């Protein structure tokens, strides 16, 4: 899957990647529900091979191709609410090598999810 053909949706403490072509869900990752506020609102920022998400006072870094949580930070002392996310010099277009890496990660994730018998 070409990353340029993905749309990202953050809602109800989850992040989903959807196909731009037909709207099908490629992956969904449920974020931790702290129960302390935020109303399920998710702020998203896509940067290269990572998707950054903020929900309920916690910041997450997800792998763009699979939605796997790479790390999270509870942002202690910063409270809850709607966050703004930004990165410096974010590039809208991936290099061919990055696109190949994403395709390989997706193929590996699909193989792991559907092992042959």
C-alpha atoms as a PDB file:
ATOM      1  CA  UNK A   1       0.000   0.000   0.000  1.00  0.00           C
ATOM      2  CA  UNK A   2       1.386   3.335  -1.038  1.00  0.00           C
ATOM      3  CA  UNK A   3       1.329   5.709   1.985  1.00  0.00           C
ATOM      4  CA  UNK A   4       0.078   8.472  -0.318  1.00  0.00           C
ATOM      5  CA  UNK A   5      -3.114   6.405  -0.750  1.00  0.00           C
ATOM      6  CA  UNK A   6      -3.932   6.467   2.974  1.00  0.00           C
ATOM      7  CA  UNK A   7      -6.211   8.711   5.011  1.00  0.00           C
ATOM      8  CA  UNK A   8      -5.856   8.769   8.792  1.00  0.00           C
ATOM      9  CA  UNK A   9      -8.792   9.094  11.168  1.00  0.00           C
ATOM     10  CA  UNK A  10      -8.647   9.755  14.902  1.00  0.00           C
ATOM     11  CA  UNK A  11     -11.877   9.195  16.820  1.00  0.00           C
ATOM     12  CA  UNK A  12     -12.987   7.731  20.169  1.00  0.00           C
ATOM     13  CA  UNK A  13      -9.419   7.153  21.374  1.00  0.00           C
ATOM     14  CA  UNK A  14      -8.434   5.163  18.295  1.00  0.00           C
ATOM     15  CA  UNK A  15      -6.471   5.796  15.116  1.00  0.00           C
ATOM     16  CA  UNK A  16      -7.323   4.171  11.787  1.00  0.00           C
ATOM     17  CA  UNK A  17      -5.658   4.151   8.379  1.00  0.00           C
ATOM     18  CA  UNK A  18      -8.119   3.984   5.492  1.00  0.00           C
ATOM     19  CA  UNK A  19      -7.685   3.533   1.766  1.00  0.00           C
ATOM     20  CA  UNK A  20      -8.221   6.739  -0.220  1.00  0.00           C
ATOM     21  CA  UNK A  21      -9.376   4.563  -3.117  1.00  0.00           C
ATOM     22  CA  UNK A  22     -12.327   2.805  -1.505  1.00  0.00           C
ATOM     23  CA  UNK A  23     -12.485   3.837   2.164  1.00  0.00           C
ATOM     24  CA  UNK A  24     -11.629   0.365   3.450  1.00  0.00           C
ATOM     25  CA  UNK A  25      -9.923   0.192   6.839  1.00  0.00           C
ATOM     26  CA  UNK A  26      -6.288  -0.920   6.558  1.00  0.00           C
ATOM     27  CA  UNK A  27      -5.579  -0.932  10.325  1.00  0.00           C
ATOM     28  CA  UNK A  28      -6.995   0.426  13.581  1.00  0.00           C
ATOM     29  CA  UNK A  29      -5.130   0.991  16.834  1.00  0.00           C
ATOM     30  CA  UNK A  30      -6.970   1.546  20.104  1.00  0.00           C
ATOM     31  CA  UNK A  31      -5.264   4.088  22.341  1.00  0.00           C
ATOM     32  CA  UNK A  32      -5.366   3.847  26.115  1.00  0.00           C
ATOM     33  CA  UNK A  33      -8.502   5.267  27.712  1.00  0.00           C
ATOM     34  CA  UNK A  34      -7.380   7.082  30.826  1.00  0.00           C
ATOM     35  CA  UNK A  35     -10.955   7.935  31.773  1.00  0.00           C
ATOM     36  CA  UNK A  36      -9.723  11.324  32.933  1.00  0.00           C
ATOM     37  CA  UNK A  37     -10.931  13.545  30.151  1.00  0.00           C
ATOM     38  CA  UNK A  38     -10.460  14.470  26.541  1.00  0.00           C
ATOM     39  CA  UNK A  39     -13.814  13.079  25.424  1.00  0.00           C
ATOM     40  CA  UNK A  40     -12.208  10.596  23.033  1.00  0.00           C
ATOM     41  CA  UNK A  41     -10.892  13.378  20.792  1.00  0.00           C
ATOM     42  CA  UNK A  42      -7.709  12.373  18.921  1.00  0.00           C
ATOM     43  CA  UNK A  43      -5.274  14.862  17.400  1.00  0.00           C
ATOM     44  CA  UNK A  44      -3.194  13.402  14.547  1.00  0.00           C
ATOM     45  CA  UNK A  45      -0.022  14.358  12.724  1.00  0.00           C
ATOM     46  CA  UNK A  46       1.597  12.227  10.013  1.00  0.00           C
ATOM     47  CA  UNK A  47       5.326  12.648   9.471  1.00  0.00           C
ATOM     48  CA  UNK A  48       7.232  10.312   7.164  1.00  0.00           C
ATOM     49  CA  UNK A  49       6.876   6.762   8.481  1.00  0.00           C
ATOM     50  CA  UNK A  50       5.199   7.735  11.750  1.00  0.00           C
ATOM     51  CA  UNK A  51       1.751   8.824  12.885  1.00  0.00           C
ATOM     52  CA  UNK A  52       1.666  10.893  16.053  1.00  0.00           C
ATOM     53  CA  UNK A  53      -1.567  10.858  18.040  1.00  0.00           C
ATOM     54  CA  UNK A  54      -2.677  12.662  21.190  1.00  0.00           C
ATOM     55  CA  UNK A  55      -5.677  11.529  23.211  1.00  0.00           C
ATOM     56  CA  UNK A  56      -6.696  11.890  26.852  1.00  0.00           C
ATOM     57  CA  UNK A  57      -3.495  13.685  27.805  1.00  0.00           C
ATOM     58  CA  UNK A  58      -1.152  11.086  26.290  1.00  0.00           C
ATOM     59  CA  UNK A  59       1.062  11.228  23.192  1.00  0.00           C
ATOM     60  CA  UNK A  60       1.615   8.166  20.980  1.00  0.00           C
ATOM     61  CA  UNK A  61       3.924   7.388  18.082  1.00  0.00           C
ATOM     62  CA  UNK A  62       2.515   4.765  15.689  1.00  0.00           C
ATOM     63  CA  UNK A  63       4.148   2.944  12.819  1.00  0.00           C
ATOM     64  CA  UNK A  64       2.492   4.299   9.669  1.00  0.00           C
ATOM     65  CA  UNK A  65       2.309   0.965   7.833  1.00  0.00           C
ATOM     66  CA  UNK A  66       0.825  -1.149  10.638  1.00  0.00           C
ATOM     67  CA  UNK A  67      -0.495   1.140  13.394  1.00  0.00           C
ATOM     68  CA  UNK A  68       1.769  -0.562  15.933  1.00  0.00           C
ATOM     69  CA  UNK A  69       2.473   1.695  18.923  1.00  0.00           C
ATOM     70  CA  UNK A  70       6.206   2.452  18.891  1.00  0.00           C
ATOM     71  CA  UNK A  71       6.150   4.526  22.085  1.00  0.00           C
ATOM     72  CA  UNK A  72       3.890   6.628  24.241  1.00  0.00           C
ATOM     73  CA  UNK A  73       4.336   9.417  26.774  1.00  0.00           C
ATOM     74  CA  UNK A  74       1.706  10.189  29.459  1.00  0.00           C
ATOM     75  CA  UNK A  75       2.792  13.859  29.453  1.00  0.00           C
ATOM     76  CA  UNK A  76       2.592  14.063  33.237  1.00  0.00           C
ATOM     77  CA  UNK A  77       1.782  17.501  34.539  1.00  0.00           C
ATOM     78  CA  UNK A  78       0.442  18.866  31.252  1.00  0.00           C
ATOM     79  CA  UNK A  79      -3.220  18.085  31.866  1.00  0.00           C
ATOM     80  CA  UNK A  80      -5.904  17.158  29.361  1.00  0.00           C
ATOM     81  CA  UNK A  81      -7.531  18.808  26.407  1.00  0.00           C
ATOM     82  CA  UNK A  82      -7.066  19.163  22.677  1.00  0.00           C
ATOM     83  CA  UNK A  83      -3.407  19.218  21.613  1.00  0.00           C
ATOM     84  CA  UNK A  84      -1.698  20.694  18.583  1.00  0.00           C
ATOM     85  CA  UNK A  85       1.028  18.541  17.000  1.00  0.00           C
ATOM     86  CA  UNK A  86       3.737  19.694  14.601  1.00  0.00           C
ATOM     87  CA  UNK A  87       7.171  18.667  13.366  1.00  0.00           C
ATOM     88  CA  UNK A  88       9.909  20.682  11.722  1.00  0.00           C
ATOM     89  CA  UNK A  89      10.565  20.223   8.004  1.00  0.00           C
ATOM     90  CA  UNK A  90       7.920  17.517   7.596  1.00  0.00           C
ATOM     91  CA  UNK A  91       7.998  16.147   4.050  1.00  0.00           C
ATOM     92  CA  UNK A  92       4.725  15.400   2.315  1.00  0.00           C
ATOM     93  CA  UNK A  93       6.269  12.912  -0.116  1.00  0.00           C
ATOM     94  CA  UNK A  94       8.117   9.775   0.915  1.00  0.00           C
ATOM     95  CA  UNK A  95      11.211   8.597  -0.874  1.00  0.00           C
ATOM     96  CA  UNK A  96      11.000   5.408  -2.923  1.00  0.00           C
ATOM     97  CA  UNK A  97      13.033   3.613  -0.234  1.00  0.00           C
ATOM     98  CA  UNK A  98      10.559   4.659   2.467  1.00  0.00           C
ATOM     99  CA  UNK A  99       7.611   3.500   0.345  1.00  0.00           C
ATOM    100  CA  UNK A 100       9.334   0.123  -0.200  1.00  0.00           C
ATOM    101  CA  UNK A 101       9.975  -0.210   3.541  1.00  0.00           C
ATOM    102  CA  UNK A 102       6.291   0.445   4.280  1.00  0.00           C
ATOM    103  CA  UNK A 103       5.202  -2.119   1.692  1.00  0.00           C
ATOM    104  CA  UNK A 104       7.570  -4.717   3.194  1.00  0.00           C
ATOM    105  CA  UNK A 105       6.295  -3.992   6.739  1.00  0.00           C
ATOM    106  CA  UNK A 106       2.690  -4.339   5.597  1.00  0.00           C
ATOM    107  CA  UNK A 107       3.423  -7.619   3.821  1.00  0.00           C
ATOM    108  CA  UNK A 108       5.115  -8.970   6.953  1.00  0.00           C
ATOM    109  CA  UNK A 109       2.194  -7.855   9.136  1.00  0.00           C
ATOM    110  CA  UNK A 110      -0.304  -9.496   6.776  1.00  0.00           C
ATOM    111  CA  UNK A 111       1.711 -12.739   6.746  1.00  0.00           C
ATOM    112  CA  UNK A 112       1.884 -12.738  10.558  1.00  0.00           C
ATOM    113  CA  UNK A 113      -1.861 -12.118  10.852  1.00  0.00           C
ATOM    114  CA  UNK A 114      -2.759 -14.826   8.327  1.00  0.00           C
ATOM    115  CA  UNK A 115      -0.170 -17.639   8.625  1.00  0.00           C
ATOM    116  CA  UNK A 116      -0.498 -20.450   6.114  1.00  0.00           C
ATOM    117  CA  UNK A 117      -1.248 -23.909   7.474  1.00  0.00           C
END
